[in-house]
Amino acid sequence: MDTPPPPEDALAELVEEFDLLGDWEGRIEYVIDLGKGLAPLPDADRTEVHKVPGCAAQVWLASETRDGRLWFRADSDSALSKGNVALLLKLYSGRTPDQILAFDARAALDRLGLPQALTRQRANGLNNMVGRIREAALAA
């Protein structure tokens, strides 16, 4: 697998894309489209161990460490939640644990304006997804 750019570079790219889209309707459609691009999640990863608690929908997030980097796989039974987790994978998957832990997800998501565009429950779910990613980085 190719080594992705630092999370800050991935965020800058997302900010640019969000700015081009303009309104929130277009941005939410973009996030949903990101989710459509996720690889299918193996049934072996659709377990309680990989389920992210506190999400509005079912979200599974699995990780593995290869060559000192964390790679994530995810899925959801909701198009928007699947898009949200796909967006997080753009920021985090393939990064080192140190990069993940040093990256300020709350500031990044605020910069995209995403939490304000979501219901409180979906915003909490997004935070829980970030928490699960950080837990994986701490454990790596």
C-alpha atoms as a PDB file:
ATOM      1  CA  MET A   1       0.000   0.000   0.000  1.00  0.00           C
ATOM      2  CA  ASP A   2       1.132   3.528  -0.683  1.00  0.00           C
ATOM      3  CA  THR A   3       2.094   5.671   2.270  1.00  0.00           C
ATOM      4  CA  PRO A   4      -0.529   8.411   2.618  1.00  0.00           C
ATOM      5  CA  PRO A   5       0.381  12.040   3.216  1.00  0.00           C
ATOM      6  CA  PRO A   6       0.367  13.435   6.774  1.00  0.00           C
ATOM      7  CA  PRO A   7      -3.137  13.915   8.217  1.00  0.00           C
ATOM      8  CA  GLU A   8      -2.745  17.705   7.939  1.00  0.00           C
ATOM      9  CA  ASP A   9      -2.294  17.389   4.160  1.00  0.00           C
ATOM     10  CA  ALA A  10      -5.341  15.136   3.888  1.00  0.00           C
ATOM     11  CA  LEU A  11      -7.320  17.682   5.918  1.00  0.00           C
ATOM     12  CA  ALA A  12      -6.198  20.550   3.669  1.00  0.00           C
ATOM     13  CA  GLU A  13      -7.422  18.573   0.651  1.00  0.00           C
ATOM     14  CA  LEU A  14     -10.781  17.909   2.318  1.00  0.00           C
ATOM     15  CA  VAL A  15     -11.152  21.586   3.292  1.00  0.00           C
ATOM     16  CA  GLU A  16     -10.503  22.594  -0.307  1.00  0.00           C
ATOM     17  CA  GLU A  17     -13.074  20.097  -1.582  1.00  0.00           C
ATOM     18  CA  PHE A  18     -15.652  21.197   1.017  1.00  0.00           C
ATOM     19  CA  ASP A  19     -15.090  24.855   0.085  1.00  0.00           C
ATOM     20  CA  LEU A  20     -15.699  24.077  -3.583  1.00  0.00           C
ATOM     21  CA  LEU A  21     -18.965  22.347  -2.737  1.00  0.00           C
ATOM     22  CA  GLY A  22     -20.347  25.400  -0.974  1.00  0.00           C
ATOM     23  CA  ASP A  23     -23.628  24.503   0.707  1.00  0.00           C
ATOM     24  CA  TRP A  24     -24.179  21.764   3.251  1.00  0.00           C
ATOM     25  CA  GLU A  25     -26.430  19.744   1.005  1.00  0.00           C
ATOM     26  CA  GLY A  26     -23.529  19.274  -1.423  1.00  0.00           C
ATOM     27  CA  ARG A  27     -21.085  18.579   1.384  1.00  0.00           C
ATOM     28  CA  ILE A  28     -23.277  15.901   2.945  1.00  0.00           C
ATOM     29  CA  GLU A  29     -23.695  14.277  -0.489  1.00  0.00           C
ATOM     30  CA  TYR A  30     -19.903  14.313  -0.826  1.00  0.00           C
ATOM     31  CA  VAL A  31     -19.509  12.616   2.571  1.00  0.00           C
ATOM     32  CA  ILE A  32     -22.062   9.976   1.574  1.00  0.00           C
ATOM     33  CA  ASP A  33     -20.156   9.419  -1.684  1.00  0.00           C
ATOM     34  CA  LEU A  34     -16.956   8.875   0.331  1.00  0.00           C
ATOM     35  CA  GLY A  35     -18.752   6.069   2.153  1.00  0.00           C
ATOM     36  CA  LYS A  36     -19.724   4.444  -1.129  1.00  0.00           C
ATOM     37  CA  GLY A  37     -16.015   4.154  -1.902  1.00  0.00           C
ATOM     38  CA  LEU A  38     -15.200   2.039   1.151  1.00  0.00           C
ATOM     39  CA  ALA A  39     -14.089  -1.513   0.471  1.00  0.00           C
ATOM     40  CA  PRO A  40     -16.567  -4.138   1.689  1.00  0.00           C
ATOM     41  CA  LEU A  41     -15.981  -5.055   5.322  1.00  0.00           C
ATOM     42  CA  PRO A  42     -15.371  -8.769   5.876  1.00  0.00           C
ATOM     43  CA  ASP A  43     -17.987 -10.530   8.003  1.00  0.00           C
ATOM     44  CA  ALA A  44     -15.220 -11.413  10.466  1.00  0.00           C
ATOM     45  CA  ASP A  45     -14.951  -7.683  11.292  1.00  0.00           C
ATOM     46  CA  ARG A  46     -18.685  -7.222  11.862  1.00  0.00           C
ATOM     47  CA  THR A  47     -18.482  -8.163  15.527  1.00  0.00           C
ATOM     48  CA  GLU A  48     -19.275  -6.487  18.830  1.00  0.00           C
ATOM     49  CA  VAL A  49     -15.540  -6.000  19.391  1.00  0.00           C
ATOM     50  CA  HIS A  50     -15.359  -3.737  16.334  1.00  0.00           C
ATOM     51  CA  LYS A  51     -18.697  -2.003  16.853  1.00  0.00           C
ATOM     52  CA  VAL A  52     -18.436   1.682  17.777  1.00  0.00           C
ATOM     53  CA  PRO A  53     -20.794   2.483  20.666  1.00  0.00           C
ATOM     54  CA  GLY A  54     -22.917   5.611  20.791  1.00  0.00           C
ATOM     55  CA  CYS A  55     -23.491   5.986  17.063  1.00  0.00           C
ATOM     56  CA  ALA A  56     -26.892   6.732  15.552  1.00  0.00           C
ATOM     57  CA  ALA A  57     -26.390   3.676  13.327  1.00  0.00           C
ATOM     58  CA  GLN A  58     -24.315   0.535  13.507  1.00  0.00           C
ATOM     59  CA  VAL A  59     -20.675   1.324  12.761  1.00  0.00           C
ATOM     60  CA  TRP A  60     -17.840  -1.187  12.700  1.00  0.00           C
ATOM     61  CA  LEU A  61     -14.217  -0.093  12.807  1.00  0.00           C
ATOM     62  CA  ALA A  62     -11.364  -2.590  12.649  1.00  0.00           C
ATOM     63  CA  SER A  63      -7.650  -1.907  12.533  1.00  0.00           C
ATOM     64  CA  GLU A  64      -4.368  -3.642  11.901  1.00  0.00           C
ATOM     65  CA  THR A  65      -0.763  -2.555  12.204  1.00  0.00           C
ATOM     66  CA  ARG A  66       1.590  -3.082   9.277  1.00  0.00           C
ATOM     67  CA  ASP A  67       5.076  -1.616   8.972  1.00  0.00           C
ATOM     68  CA  GLY A  68       4.517   0.652  11.958  1.00  0.00           C
ATOM     69  CA  ARG A  69       1.328   2.148  10.520  1.00  0.00           C
ATOM     70  CA  LEU A  70      -2.316   1.650  11.420  1.00  0.00           C
ATOM     71  CA  TRP A  71      -4.701   0.673   8.667  1.00  0.00           C
ATOM     72  CA  PHE A  72      -8.435   0.859   9.277  1.00  0.00           C
ATOM     73  CA  ARG A  73     -11.418  -0.917   7.745  1.00  0.00           C
ATOM     74  CA  ALA A  74     -14.955   0.259   8.426  1.00  0.00           C
ATOM     75  CA  ASP A  75     -18.583   0.036   7.461  1.00  0.00           C
ATOM     76  CA  SER A  76     -22.007   1.167   8.636  1.00  0.00           C
ATOM     77  CA  ASP A  77     -25.612   0.332   7.920  1.00  0.00           C
ATOM     78  CA  SER A  78     -26.288   4.066   7.395  1.00  0.00           C
ATOM     79  CA  ALA A  79     -25.077   5.980   4.343  1.00  0.00           C
ATOM     80  CA  LEU A  80     -24.204   9.101   6.348  1.00  0.00           C
ATOM     81  CA  SER A  81     -22.403   7.220   9.135  1.00  0.00           C
ATOM     82  CA  LYS A  82     -20.532   5.220   6.515  1.00  0.00           C
ATOM     83  CA  GLY A  83     -19.508   8.491   4.887  1.00  0.00           C
ATOM     84  CA  ASN A  84     -18.411   9.953   8.217  1.00  0.00           C
ATOM     85  CA  VAL A  85     -16.194   6.976   8.989  1.00  0.00           C
ATOM     86  CA  ALA A  86     -14.812   7.043   5.423  1.00  0.00           C
ATOM     87  CA  LEU A  87     -13.865  10.686   5.948  1.00  0.00           C
ATOM     88  CA  LEU A  88     -12.038   9.732   9.151  1.00  0.00           C
ATOM     89  CA  LEU A  89     -10.198   6.958   7.322  1.00  0.00           C
ATOM     90  CA  LYS A  90      -8.962   9.562   4.810  1.00  0.00           C
ATOM     91  CA  LEU A  91      -7.454  11.422   7.760  1.00  0.00           C
ATOM     92  CA  TYR A  92      -6.142   8.481   9.785  1.00  0.00           C
ATOM     93  CA  SER A  93      -5.689   5.230   7.882  1.00  0.00           C
ATOM     94  CA  GLY A  94      -2.085   4.440   6.987  1.00  0.00           C
ATOM     95  CA  ARG A  95      -0.629   6.869   9.502  1.00  0.00           C
ATOM     96  CA  THR A  96       1.729   6.074  12.348  1.00  0.00           C
ATOM     97  CA  PRO A  97       0.353   5.941  15.884  1.00  0.00           C
ATOM     98  CA  ASP A  98       2.319   9.127  16.690  1.00  0.00           C
ATOM     99  CA  GLN A  99       0.751  10.958  13.722  1.00  0.00           C
ATOM    100  CA  ILE A 100      -2.713   9.823  14.803  1.00  0.00           C
ATOM    101  CA  LEU A 101      -2.223  10.885  18.403  1.00  0.00           C
ATOM    102  CA  ALA A 102      -0.704  14.249  17.460  1.00  0.00           C
ATOM    103  CA  PHE A 103      -3.511  15.128  15.038  1.00  0.00           C
ATOM    104  CA  ASP A 104      -6.263  17.283  16.575  1.00  0.00           C
ATOM    105  CA  ALA A 105      -9.398  15.630  15.251  1.00  0.00           C
ATOM    106  CA  ARG A 106     -11.778  18.011  16.993  1.00  0.00           C
ATOM    107  CA  ALA A 107     -10.110  21.039  15.363  1.00  0.00           C
ATOM    108  CA  ALA A 108     -10.049  19.237  12.008  1.00  0.00           C
ATOM    109  CA  LEU A 109     -13.738  18.360  12.119  1.00  0.00           C
ATOM    110  CA  ASP A 110     -14.583  21.876  13.295  1.00  0.00           C
ATOM    111  CA  ARG A 111     -12.560  23.287  10.392  1.00  0.00           C
ATOM    112  CA  LEU A 112     -14.725  21.210   8.049  1.00  0.00           C
ATOM    113  CA  GLY A 113     -17.826  22.350   9.948  1.00  0.00           C
ATOM    114  CA  LEU A 114     -18.994  18.770  10.151  1.00  0.00           C
ATOM    115  CA  PRO A 115     -20.167  18.546  13.792  1.00  0.00           C
ATOM    116  CA  GLN A 116     -22.425  21.582  13.320  1.00  0.00           C
ATOM    117  CA  ALA A 117     -24.058  19.989  10.275  1.00  0.00           C
ATOM    118  CA  LEU A 118     -24.915  16.773  12.111  1.00  0.00           C
ATOM    119  CA  THR A 119     -27.508  15.933  14.724  1.00  0.00           C
ATOM    120  CA  ARG A 120     -26.157  15.743  18.267  1.00  0.00           C
ATOM    121  CA  GLN A 121     -26.306  11.928  18.207  1.00  0.00           C
ATOM    122  CA  ARG A 122     -24.399  11.716  14.897  1.00  0.00           C
ATOM    123  CA  ALA A 123     -21.816  14.237  16.135  1.00  0.00           C
ATOM    124  CA  ASN A 124     -21.365  12.119  19.283  1.00  0.00           C
ATOM    125  CA  GLY A 125     -20.979   9.035  17.111  1.00  0.00           C
ATOM    126  CA  LEU A 126     -18.314  10.821  15.064  1.00  0.00           C
ATOM    127  CA  ASN A 127     -16.440  11.641  18.282  1.00  0.00           C
ATOM    128  CA  ASN A 128     -16.736   8.005  19.363  1.00  0.00           C
ATOM    129  CA  MET A 129     -15.253   6.887  16.023  1.00  0.00           C
ATOM    130  CA  VAL A 130     -12.301   9.230  16.595  1.00  0.00           C
ATOM    131  CA  GLY A 131     -11.969   7.855  20.127  1.00  0.00           C
ATOM    132  CA  ARG A 132     -11.802   4.304  18.791  1.00  0.00           C
ATOM    133  CA  ILE A 133      -9.106   5.316  16.290  1.00  0.00           C
ATOM    134  CA  ARG A 134      -7.088   6.975  19.059  1.00  0.00           C
ATOM    135  CA  GLU A 135      -7.469   3.872  21.245  1.00  0.00           C
ATOM    136  CA  ALA A 136      -6.028   1.761  18.427  1.00  0.00           C
ATOM    137  CA  ALA A 137      -3.087   4.177  18.127  1.00  0.00           C
ATOM    138  CA  LEU A 138      -2.438   4.027  21.867  1.00  0.00           C
ATOM    139  CA  ALA A 139      -2.535   0.222  21.805  1.00  0.00           C
ATOM    140  CA  ALA A 140      -0.210  -0.064  18.791  1.00  0.00           C
END
